[in-house]
Amino acid sequence: MRKRKDLTICEWQGVEACPPERASKLGIALGTLGKESINGLRHIPEKGTNGWYLWCGTEMPTEDDAFSPLHVEHIENYLPQVKEYLVLPAGYRFLIDGNNYEDVWFDEALILA
């Protein structure tokens, strides 16, 4: 958990910010919105996507159609609290609960082919 709120997410993690390209798309599990905790993970960006997948709840949805494409500029309409995390580079994950809990970690499996 980030102890100093004056640090950006990337300063806290000691990584260079890698914001998603404008008009790129992320995957969002709309059917999970409103559940406790918000999760995100970032794969390597490709083919107009920025690599981000976002969902709410304790389990990542596994259905083929669980994630819908969303232009990154529209995330504020759905999950505004994740905006600051979207600058993390590929390979990073986060978990926030809206009650001051946050966890950010690197998951090498997200960037391996």
Protein backbone atom coordinates (compact mmCIF):
# COMPACT_ATOMS: atom_id res chain seq x y z
CA MET A 1 0.00 0.00 0.00
CA ARG A 2 1.22 3.45 -0.89
CA LYS A 3 2.22 5.21 2.31
CA ARG A 4 2.89 8.62 0.77
CA LYS A 5 -0.11 9.85 -1.18
CA ASP A 6 1.99 12.70 -2.59
CA LEU A 7 3.75 10.16 -4.83
CA THR A 8 2.27 9.19 -8.17
CA ILE A 9 1.60 5.52 -8.78
CA CYS A 10 4.70 5.26 -10.98
CA GLU A 11 6.92 7.11 -8.49
CA TRP A 12 5.71 4.73 -5.77
CA GLN A 13 6.52 1.72 -7.96
CA GLY A 14 9.77 3.17 -9.30
CA VAL A 15 8.77 2.84 -12.96
CA GLU A 16 8.45 5.23 -15.87
CA ALA A 17 4.89 6.26 -16.70
CA CYS A 18 3.49 4.69 -19.86
CA PRO A 19 0.10 6.30 -20.46
CA PRO A 20 -2.26 4.62 -22.92
CA GLU A 21 -2.32 6.15 -26.37
CA ARG A 22 -5.20 8.49 -27.05
CA ALA A 23 -8.15 6.67 -28.65
CA SER A 24 -6.74 3.27 -27.74
CA LYS A 25 -9.12 0.69 -26.32
CA LEU A 26 -9.14 -1.25 -23.09
CA GLY A 27 -11.25 -4.23 -22.08
CA ILE A 28 -13.83 -3.66 -19.35
CA ALA A 29 -16.13 -6.27 -17.81
CA LEU A 30 -19.29 -4.18 -17.72
CA GLY A 31 -21.29 -6.97 -16.07
CA THR A 32 -19.10 -6.75 -12.97
CA LEU A 33 -19.45 -3.02 -12.33
CA GLY A 34 -20.61 -2.24 -8.81
CA LYS A 35 -19.00 -5.28 -7.19
CA GLU A 36 -16.52 -4.84 -4.33
CA SER A 37 -12.90 -4.17 -5.36
CA ILE A 38 -11.63 -3.05 -8.74
CA ASN A 39 -8.93 -5.00 -10.56
CA GLY A 40 -6.77 -4.17 -13.53
CA LEU A 41 -3.97 -5.82 -15.45
CA ARG A 42 -1.98 -4.66 -18.44
CA HIS A 43 -0.68 -6.83 -21.26
CA ILE A 44 1.59 -5.49 -23.97
CA PRO A 45 -0.41 -3.03 -26.14
CA GLU A 46 -1.24 -4.26 -29.64
CA LYS A 47 -3.64 -3.69 -32.56
CA GLY A 48 -5.25 -0.50 -31.23
CA THR A 49 -5.58 -1.76 -27.67
CA ASN A 50 -3.60 -0.41 -24.74
CA GLY A 51 -3.35 -3.78 -22.99
CA TRP A 52 -5.59 -2.94 -20.02
CA TYR A 53 -8.34 -5.26 -18.75
CA LEU A 54 -10.54 -4.02 -15.90
CA TRP A 55 -13.15 -5.81 -13.79
CA CYS A 56 -14.83 -5.57 -10.40
CA GLY A 57 -15.19 -8.32 -7.82
CA THR A 58 -12.95 -11.03 -6.49
CA GLU A 59 -12.71 -13.22 -9.59
CA MET A 60 -11.65 -12.28 -13.11
CA PRO A 61 -14.46 -13.13 -15.53
CA THR A 62 -13.60 -16.03 -17.83
CA GLU A 63 -16.49 -15.97 -20.31
CA ASP A 64 -15.46 -15.27 -23.90
CA ASP A 65 -17.67 -12.17 -24.05
CA ALA A 66 -16.98 -10.86 -20.51
CA PHE A 67 -14.88 -7.89 -21.65
CA SER A 68 -16.19 -5.09 -23.84
CA PRO A 69 -13.94 -2.66 -25.72
CA LEU A 70 -13.94 0.90 -24.42
CA HIS A 71 -11.94 3.90 -25.59
CA VAL A 72 -9.67 4.93 -22.74
CA GLU A 73 -11.09 8.47 -22.79
CA HIS A 74 -14.45 7.09 -21.60
CA ILE A 75 -13.17 5.29 -18.49
CA GLU A 76 -14.25 8.23 -16.32
CA ASN A 77 -17.87 7.35 -17.13
CA TYR A 78 -17.45 3.86 -15.66
CA LEU A 79 -14.51 3.64 -13.25
CA PRO A 80 -13.04 7.12 -12.70
CA GLN A 81 -11.01 5.89 -9.72
CA VAL A 82 -8.73 3.78 -11.98
CA LYS A 83 -7.53 6.63 -14.18
CA GLU A 84 -4.31 7.23 -12.22
CA TYR A 85 -3.37 3.53 -12.47
CA LEU A 86 -3.62 3.40 -16.26
CA VAL A 87 -0.15 4.96 -16.63
CA LEU A 88 1.50 1.81 -15.28
CA PRO A 89 3.49 -0.06 -17.94
CA ALA A 90 2.68 -3.49 -19.35
CA GLY A 91 3.10 -6.27 -16.82
CA TYR A 92 1.51 -4.40 -13.95
CA ARG A 93 -1.63 -5.24 -12.02
CA PHE A 94 -3.59 -3.33 -9.41
CA LEU A 95 -6.35 -3.95 -6.87
CA ILE A 96 -8.24 -1.14 -5.13
CA ASP A 97 -11.31 -1.31 -2.91
CA GLY A 98 -12.46 2.28 -2.54
CA ASN A 99 -11.71 2.16 1.20
CA ASN A 100 -8.07 3.31 0.96
CA TYR A 101 -6.73 -0.16 0.15
CA GLU A 102 -4.52 -0.40 -2.91
CA ASP A 103 -2.07 -2.96 -4.13
CA VAL A 104 0.10 -2.68 -7.23
CA TRP A 105 2.49 -5.36 -8.40
CA PHE A 106 4.44 -6.57 -11.42
CA ASP A 107 3.35 -9.87 -12.97
CA GLU A 108 5.93 -11.08 -15.48
CA ALA A 109 3.46 -13.59 -16.94
CA LEU A 110 1.54 -10.69 -18.50
CA ILE A 111 4.42 -9.78 -20.81
CA LEU A 112 5.71 -13.22 -21.73
CA ALA A 113 4.61 -14.52 -25.11
